[in-house]
């Protein structure tokens, strides 16, 4: 009789532990799924167009000379060119690629889109001097436009515009870092575990 009671207790205890294990496993799976959904929602929130705007101005003098009769006769054209340009540096984070490893609680940023630089110049001509034998043509305006954009690109590189854009990008990406850290997940980018905004900055500015 006592033996039967003992066996019954063992069986009941086993069933109880099995139910507890299954319930624990279920709760654990639910937590992982909940955390994954939170992370995906945060990435969707970050996935937008991050734009930084700037304004640049410059003044250039354009000259061109046509020579005739063994260079004894020449006709010059020139103009004062004033340029005002609006410039945007944008990161389209909707194109960011990532992977979520639920088992190891790891988010891996696979790729971050390159910055897109858009230059919109407003070009005005003043003090235009030309002759019938050397007039301004569409080719001149194309050369001027190309030169203006090349000069502006150099100015942009030396300015703080790109740095400001990168800082805004890092600020957006750090929202994913903050959430992942708060839930005990890891965030990786280019083979490195990202632990701070500084880590992002070192990778993005390489």
C-alpha atoms as a PDB file:
ATOM      1  CA  UNK A   1       0.000   0.000   0.000  1.00  0.00           C
ATOM      2  CA  UNK A   2       2.729   2.466   1.010  1.00  0.00           C
ATOM      3  CA  UNK A   3       4.658   1.499  -2.104  1.00  0.00           C
ATOM      4  CA  UNK A   4       1.672   2.366  -4.308  1.00  0.00           C
ATOM      5  CA  UNK A   5       1.239   5.703  -2.535  1.00  0.00           C
ATOM      6  CA  UNK A   6       4.950   6.449  -3.044  1.00  0.00           C
ATOM      7  CA  UNK A   7       4.748   5.634  -6.744  1.00  0.00           C
ATOM      8  CA  UNK A   8       1.638   7.807  -7.084  1.00  0.00           C
ATOM      9  CA  UNK A   9       3.427  10.734  -5.394  1.00  0.00           C
ATOM     10  CA  UNK A  10       6.424  10.355  -7.718  1.00  0.00           C
ATOM     11  CA  UNK A  11       4.159  10.238 -10.793  1.00  0.00           C
ATOM     12  CA  UNK A  12       2.149  13.273  -9.668  1.00  0.00           C
ATOM     13  CA  UNK A  13       5.363  15.137  -8.882  1.00  0.00           C
ATOM     14  CA  UNK A  14       6.737  14.312 -12.330  1.00  0.00           C
ATOM     15  CA  UNK A  15       3.568  15.509 -14.022  1.00  0.00           C
ATOM     16  CA  UNK A  16       3.663  18.724 -11.966  1.00  0.00           C
ATOM     17  CA  UNK A  17       7.302  19.389 -12.919  1.00  0.00           C
ATOM     18  CA  UNK A  18       6.521  18.663 -16.585  1.00  0.00           C
ATOM     19  CA  UNK A  19       3.691  21.199 -16.575  1.00  0.00           C
ATOM     20  CA  UNK A  20       5.918  23.764 -14.833  1.00  0.00           C
ATOM     21  CA  UNK A  21       8.670  23.191 -17.411  1.00  0.00           C
ATOM     22  CA  UNK A  22       6.234  23.554 -20.298  1.00  0.00           C
ATOM     23  CA  UNK A  23       4.781  26.700 -18.742  1.00  0.00           C
ATOM     24  CA  UNK A  24       8.292  28.137 -18.236  1.00  0.00           C
ATOM     25  CA  UNK A  25       9.226  27.264 -21.805  1.00  0.00           C
ATOM     26  CA  UNK A  26       6.061  28.933 -23.038  1.00  0.00           C
ATOM     27  CA  UNK A  27       6.736  32.108 -21.045  1.00  0.00           C
ATOM     28  CA  UNK A  28      10.335  32.172 -22.256  1.00  0.00           C
ATOM     29  CA  UNK A  29       9.210  31.886 -25.884  1.00  0.00           C
ATOM     30  CA  UNK A  30       6.617  34.595 -25.327  1.00  0.00           C
ATOM     31  CA  UNK A  31       9.274  36.919 -23.858  1.00  0.00           C
ATOM     32  CA  UNK A  32      11.596  36.365 -26.830  1.00  0.00           C
ATOM     33  CA  UNK A  33       8.752  36.990 -29.277  1.00  0.00           C
ATOM     34  CA  UNK A  34       7.715  40.126 -27.375  1.00  0.00           C
ATOM     35  CA  UNK A  35      11.283  41.452 -27.361  1.00  0.00           C
ATOM     36  CA  UNK A  36      11.684  40.667 -31.061  1.00  0.00           C
ATOM     37  CA  UNK A  37       8.503  42.578 -31.881  1.00  0.00           C
ATOM     38  CA  UNK A  38       9.719  45.575 -29.857  1.00  0.00           C
ATOM     39  CA  UNK A  39      13.058  45.572 -31.684  1.00  0.00           C
ATOM     40  CA  UNK A  40      11.411  45.311 -35.098  1.00  0.00           C
ATOM     41  CA  UNK A  41       9.096  48.200 -34.219  1.00  0.00           C
ATOM     42  CA  UNK A  42      12.042  50.349 -33.115  1.00  0.00           C
ATOM     43  CA  UNK A  43      13.892  49.585 -36.349  1.00  0.00           C
ATOM     44  CA  UNK A  44      10.764  50.602 -38.279  1.00  0.00           C
ATOM     45  CA  UNK A  45      10.673  53.860 -36.314  1.00  0.00           C
ATOM     46  CA  UNK A  46      14.323  54.527 -37.133  1.00  0.00           C
ATOM     47  CA  UNK A  47      13.802  53.563 -40.783  1.00  0.00           C
ATOM     48  CA  UNK A  48      13.267  57.006 -42.254  1.00  0.00           C
ATOM     49  CA  UNK A  49      15.017  59.624 -44.354  1.00  0.00           C
ATOM     50  CA  UNK A  50      17.540  61.552 -42.224  1.00  0.00           C
ATOM     51  CA  UNK A  51      18.301  64.875 -43.925  1.00  0.00           C
ATOM     52  CA  UNK A  52      20.771  67.615 -43.021  1.00  0.00           C
ATOM     53  CA  UNK A  53      20.608  70.887 -44.963  1.00  0.00           C
ATOM     54  CA  UNK A  54      23.195  73.552 -45.677  1.00  0.00           C
ATOM     55  CA  UNK A  55      23.648  76.698 -47.784  1.00  0.00           C
ATOM     56  CA  UNK A  56      26.763  77.737 -49.673  1.00  0.00           C
ATOM     57  CA  UNK A  57      27.673  80.809 -51.722  1.00  0.00           C
ATOM     58  CA  UNK A  58      30.567  81.604 -54.012  1.00  0.00           C
ATOM     59  CA  UNK A  59      31.610  84.127 -56.636  1.00  0.00           C
ATOM     60  CA  UNK A  60      33.676  83.121 -59.663  1.00  0.00           C
ATOM     61  CA  UNK A  61      34.893  84.882 -62.787  1.00  0.00           C
ATOM     62  CA  UNK A  62      34.519  82.959 -66.019  1.00  0.00           C
ATOM     63  CA  UNK A  63      36.776  83.830 -68.960  1.00  0.00           C
ATOM     64  CA  UNK A  64      37.234  82.363 -72.396  1.00  0.00           C
ATOM     65  CA  UNK A  65      39.298  83.625 -75.327  1.00  0.00           C
ATOM     66  CA  UNK A  66      39.148  82.733 -79.010  1.00  0.00           C
ATOM     67  CA  UNK A  67      42.243  83.575 -81.112  1.00  0.00           C
ATOM     68  CA  UNK A  68      42.527  84.022 -84.850  1.00  0.00           C
ATOM     69  CA  UNK A  69      45.214  84.881 -87.478  1.00  0.00           C
ATOM     70  CA  UNK A  70      48.071  83.105 -85.719  1.00  0.00           C
ATOM     71  CA  UNK A  71      46.925  84.491 -82.364  1.00  0.00           C
ATOM     72  CA  UNK A  72      47.234  88.073 -83.556  1.00  0.00           C
ATOM     73  CA  UNK A  73      43.517  88.658 -83.154  1.00  0.00           C
ATOM     74  CA  UNK A  74      41.536  87.528 -80.117  1.00  0.00           C
ATOM     75  CA  UNK A  75      37.976  87.820 -78.878  1.00  0.00           C
ATOM     76  CA  UNK A  76      37.296  87.409 -75.169  1.00  0.00           C
ATOM     77  CA  UNK A  77      34.133  86.685 -73.288  1.00  0.00           C
ATOM     78  CA  UNK A  78      33.782  86.847 -69.552  1.00  0.00           C
ATOM     79  CA  UNK A  79      31.197  87.077 -66.814  1.00  0.00           C
ATOM     80  CA  UNK A  80      30.927  87.416 -63.080  1.00  0.00           C
ATOM     81  CA  UNK A  81      29.101  84.363 -61.753  1.00  0.00           C
ATOM     82  CA  UNK A  82      27.367  84.427 -58.370  1.00  0.00           C
ATOM     83  CA  UNK A  83      26.248  81.080 -56.984  1.00  0.00           C
ATOM     84  CA  UNK A  84      23.846  80.362 -54.130  1.00  0.00           C
ATOM     85  CA  UNK A  85      23.350  76.670 -53.505  1.00  0.00           C
ATOM     86  CA  UNK A  86      21.170  74.614 -51.208  1.00  0.00           C
ATOM     87  CA  UNK A  87      22.814  71.341 -50.253  1.00  0.00           C
ATOM     88  CA  UNK A  88      21.338  68.297 -48.538  1.00  0.00           C
ATOM     89  CA  UNK A  89      23.089  65.266 -47.093  1.00  0.00           C
ATOM     90  CA  UNK A  90      20.655  62.409 -46.572  1.00  0.00           C
ATOM     91  CA  UNK A  91      20.706  58.857 -45.237  1.00  0.00           C
ATOM     92  CA  UNK A  92      17.756  56.714 -46.287  1.00  0.00           C
ATOM     93  CA  UNK A  93      17.527  54.342 -43.331  1.00  0.00           C
ATOM     94  CA  UNK A  94      14.582  52.617 -44.964  1.00  0.00           C
ATOM     95  CA  UNK A  95      17.274  50.824 -46.990  1.00  0.00           C
ATOM     96  CA  UNK A  96      19.169  49.631 -43.906  1.00  0.00           C
ATOM     97  CA  UNK A  97      19.569  45.827 -43.800  1.00  0.00           C
ATOM     98  CA  UNK A  98      19.612  43.862 -40.544  1.00  0.00           C
ATOM     99  CA  UNK A  99      19.244  40.389 -39.071  1.00  0.00           C
ATOM    100  CA  UNK A 100      17.677  39.312 -35.760  1.00  0.00           C
ATOM    101  CA  UNK A 101      19.028  36.182 -34.028  1.00  0.00           C
ATOM    102  CA  UNK A 102      16.418  35.317 -31.392  1.00  0.00           C
ATOM    103  CA  UNK A 103      18.349  32.317 -30.065  1.00  0.00           C
ATOM    104  CA  UNK A 104      21.476  34.332 -29.240  1.00  0.00           C
ATOM    105  CA  UNK A 105      19.579  37.588 -28.615  1.00  0.00           C
ATOM    106  CA  UNK A 106      21.641  39.443 -31.185  1.00  0.00           C
ATOM    107  CA  UNK A 107      20.760  42.166 -33.689  1.00  0.00           C
ATOM    108  CA  UNK A 108      23.195  42.480 -36.582  1.00  0.00           C
ATOM    109  CA  UNK A 109      23.157  45.560 -38.779  1.00  0.00           C
ATOM    110  CA  UNK A 110      24.249  44.151 -42.143  1.00  0.00           C
ATOM    111  CA  UNK A 111      24.538  47.422 -44.041  1.00  0.00           C
ATOM    112  CA  UNK A 112      23.883  51.141 -43.612  1.00  0.00           C
ATOM    113  CA  UNK A 113      23.135  53.104 -46.790  1.00  0.00           C
ATOM    114  CA  UNK A 114      25.719  55.594 -48.043  1.00  0.00           C
ATOM    115  CA  UNK A 115      24.986  59.279 -47.756  1.00  0.00           C
ATOM    116  CA  UNK A 116      23.280  60.962 -50.690  1.00  0.00           C
ATOM    117  CA  UNK A 117      24.552  64.490 -51.405  1.00  0.00           C
ATOM    118  CA  UNK A 118      22.295  66.723 -53.474  1.00  0.00           C
ATOM    119  CA  UNK A 119      23.515  70.123 -54.701  1.00  0.00           C
ATOM    120  CA  UNK A 120      20.925  72.580 -56.078  1.00  0.00           C
ATOM    121  CA  UNK A 121      22.761  75.672 -57.321  1.00  0.00           C
ATOM    122  CA  UNK A 122      21.143  78.958 -58.350  1.00  0.00           C
ATOM    123  CA  UNK A 123      23.577  80.555 -60.832  1.00  0.00           C
ATOM    124  CA  UNK A 124      23.337  84.241 -61.751  1.00  0.00           C
ATOM    125  CA  UNK A 125      25.471  85.989 -64.389  1.00  0.00           C
ATOM    126  CA  UNK A 126      26.589  89.608 -64.083  1.00  0.00           C
ATOM    127  CA  UNK A 127      28.837  91.921 -66.119  1.00  0.00           C
ATOM    128  CA  UNK A 128      28.608  89.685 -69.138  1.00  0.00           C
ATOM    129  CA  UNK A 129      31.016  90.662 -71.928  1.00  0.00           C
ATOM    130  CA  UNK A 130      31.035  88.840 -75.264  1.00  0.00           C
ATOM    131  CA  UNK A 131      31.388  89.368 -78.973  1.00  0.00           C
ATOM    132  CA  UNK A 132      29.650  88.034 -82.044  1.00  0.00           C
ATOM    133  CA  UNK A 133      32.739  85.984 -82.855  1.00  0.00           C
ATOM    134  CA  UNK A 134      32.886  84.542 -79.347  1.00  0.00           C
ATOM    135  CA  UNK A 135      29.409  84.523 -77.785  1.00  0.00           C
ATOM    136  CA  UNK A 136      28.244  82.598 -74.729  1.00  0.00           C
ATOM    137  CA  UNK A 137      26.842  79.211 -75.709  1.00  0.00           C
ATOM    138  CA  UNK A 138      25.248  76.230 -74.008  1.00  0.00           C
ATOM    139  CA  UNK A 139      28.685  74.645 -73.803  1.00  0.00           C
ATOM    140  CA  UNK A 140      29.906  77.571 -71.661  1.00  0.00           C
ATOM    141  CA  UNK A 141      26.998  77.211 -69.270  1.00  0.00           C
ATOM    142  CA  UNK A 142      27.625  73.478 -68.967  1.00  0.00           C
ATOM    143  CA  UNK A 143      31.292  74.126 -68.145  1.00  0.00           C
ATOM    144  CA  UNK A 144      30.336  76.741 -65.563  1.00  0.00           C
ATOM    145  CA  UNK A 145      27.749  74.454 -63.975  1.00  0.00           C
ATOM    146  CA  UNK A 146      30.259  71.588 -63.800  1.00  0.00           C
ATOM    147  CA  UNK A 147      32.923  73.859 -62.282  1.00  0.00           C
ATOM    148  CA  UNK A 148      30.449  75.270 -59.744  1.00  0.00           C
ATOM    149  CA  UNK A 149      29.405  71.807 -58.549  1.00  0.00           C
ATOM    150  CA  UNK A 150      33.045  70.666 -58.291  1.00  0.00           C
ATOM    151  CA  UNK A 151      33.938  73.718 -56.184  1.00  0.00           C
ATOM    152  CA  UNK A 152      30.880  73.229 -53.979  1.00  0.00           C
ATOM    153  CA  UNK A 153      31.754  69.559 -53.450  1.00  0.00           C
ATOM    154  CA  UNK A 154      35.176  70.636 -52.132  1.00  0.00           C
ATOM    155  CA  UNK A 155      33.536  73.156 -49.808  1.00  0.00           C
ATOM    156  CA  UNK A 156      31.140  70.529 -48.497  1.00  0.00           C
ATOM    157  CA  UNK A 157      34.026  68.172 -47.694  1.00  0.00           C
ATOM    158  CA  UNK A 158      35.753  70.914 -45.677  1.00  0.00           C
ATOM    159  CA  UNK A 159      32.569  72.038 -43.921  1.00  0.00           C
ATOM    160  CA  UNK A 160      30.763  70.555 -40.929  1.00  0.00           C
ATOM    161  CA  UNK A 161      27.738  69.553 -43.007  1.00  0.00           C
ATOM    162  CA  UNK A 162      28.746  65.900 -43.495  1.00  0.00           C
ATOM    163  CA  UNK A 163      29.838  65.612 -39.854  1.00  0.00           C
ATOM    164  CA  UNK A 164      26.482  66.988 -38.696  1.00  0.00           C
ATOM    165  CA  UNK A 165      24.703  64.511 -40.957  1.00  0.00           C
ATOM    166  CA  UNK A 166      26.754  61.620 -39.538  1.00  0.00           C
ATOM    167  CA  UNK A 167      25.944  62.748 -35.990  1.00  0.00           C
ATOM    168  CA  UNK A 168      22.233  62.706 -36.807  1.00  0.00           C
ATOM    169  CA  UNK A 169      22.620  59.236 -38.315  1.00  0.00           C
ATOM    170  CA  UNK A 170      24.407  57.947 -35.202  1.00  0.00           C
ATOM    171  CA  UNK A 171      21.718  59.473 -32.992  1.00  0.00           C
ATOM    172  CA  UNK A 172      19.017  57.555 -34.859  1.00  0.00           C
ATOM    173  CA  UNK A 173      20.932  54.256 -34.805  1.00  0.00           C
ATOM    174  CA  UNK A 174      21.595  54.668 -31.075  1.00  0.00           C
ATOM    175  CA  UNK A 175      17.870  54.299 -30.429  1.00  0.00           C
ATOM    176  CA  UNK A 176      18.238  50.656 -31.478  1.00  0.00           C
ATOM    177  CA  UNK A 177      21.297  50.320 -29.218  1.00  0.00           C
ATOM    178  CA  UNK A 178      19.456  51.720 -26.183  1.00  0.00           C
ATOM    179  CA  UNK A 179      16.513  49.355 -26.642  1.00  0.00           C
ATOM    180  CA  UNK A 180      18.680  46.276 -27.239  1.00  0.00           C
ATOM    181  CA  UNK A 181      20.808  47.008 -24.157  1.00  0.00           C
ATOM    182  CA  UNK A 182      17.722  47.523 -21.983  1.00  0.00           C
ATOM    183  CA  UNK A 183      16.495  44.021 -22.910  1.00  0.00           C
ATOM    184  CA  UNK A 184      19.846  42.277 -22.575  1.00  0.00           C
ATOM    185  CA  UNK A 185      20.374  41.881 -26.325  1.00  0.00           C
ATOM    186  CA  UNK A 186      23.582  42.572 -28.288  1.00  0.00           C
ATOM    187  CA  UNK A 187      23.905  44.892 -31.251  1.00  0.00           C
ATOM    188  CA  UNK A 188      26.582  44.147 -33.868  1.00  0.00           C
ATOM    189  CA  UNK A 189      27.883  46.036 -36.882  1.00  0.00           C
ATOM    190  CA  UNK A 190      30.767  45.030 -39.155  1.00  0.00           C
ATOM    191  CA  UNK A 191      31.819  42.208 -36.827  1.00  0.00           C
ATOM    192  CA  UNK A 192      31.992  44.396 -33.714  1.00  0.00           C
ATOM    193  CA  UNK A 193      29.642  44.497 -30.740  1.00  0.00           C
ATOM    194  CA  UNK A 194      28.346  48.067 -30.498  1.00  0.00           C
ATOM    195  CA  UNK A 195      28.297  49.257 -26.906  1.00  0.00           C
ATOM    196  CA  UNK A 196      28.135  53.038 -27.312  1.00  0.00           C
ATOM    197  CA  UNK A 197      27.582  55.870 -29.797  1.00  0.00           C
ATOM    198  CA  UNK A 198      31.363  56.155 -30.012  1.00  0.00           C
ATOM    199  CA  UNK A 199      31.562  52.627 -31.460  1.00  0.00           C
ATOM    200  CA  UNK A 200      29.071  53.622 -34.148  1.00  0.00           C
ATOM    201  CA  UNK A 201      31.039  56.781 -34.876  1.00  0.00           C
ATOM    202  CA  UNK A 202      34.304  54.901 -35.377  1.00  0.00           C
ATOM    203  CA  UNK A 203      32.678  52.495 -37.833  1.00  0.00           C
ATOM    204  CA  UNK A 204      30.641  55.006 -39.822  1.00  0.00           C
ATOM    205  CA  UNK A 205      33.447  57.553 -40.236  1.00  0.00           C
ATOM    206  CA  UNK A 206      35.998  55.032 -41.524  1.00  0.00           C
END
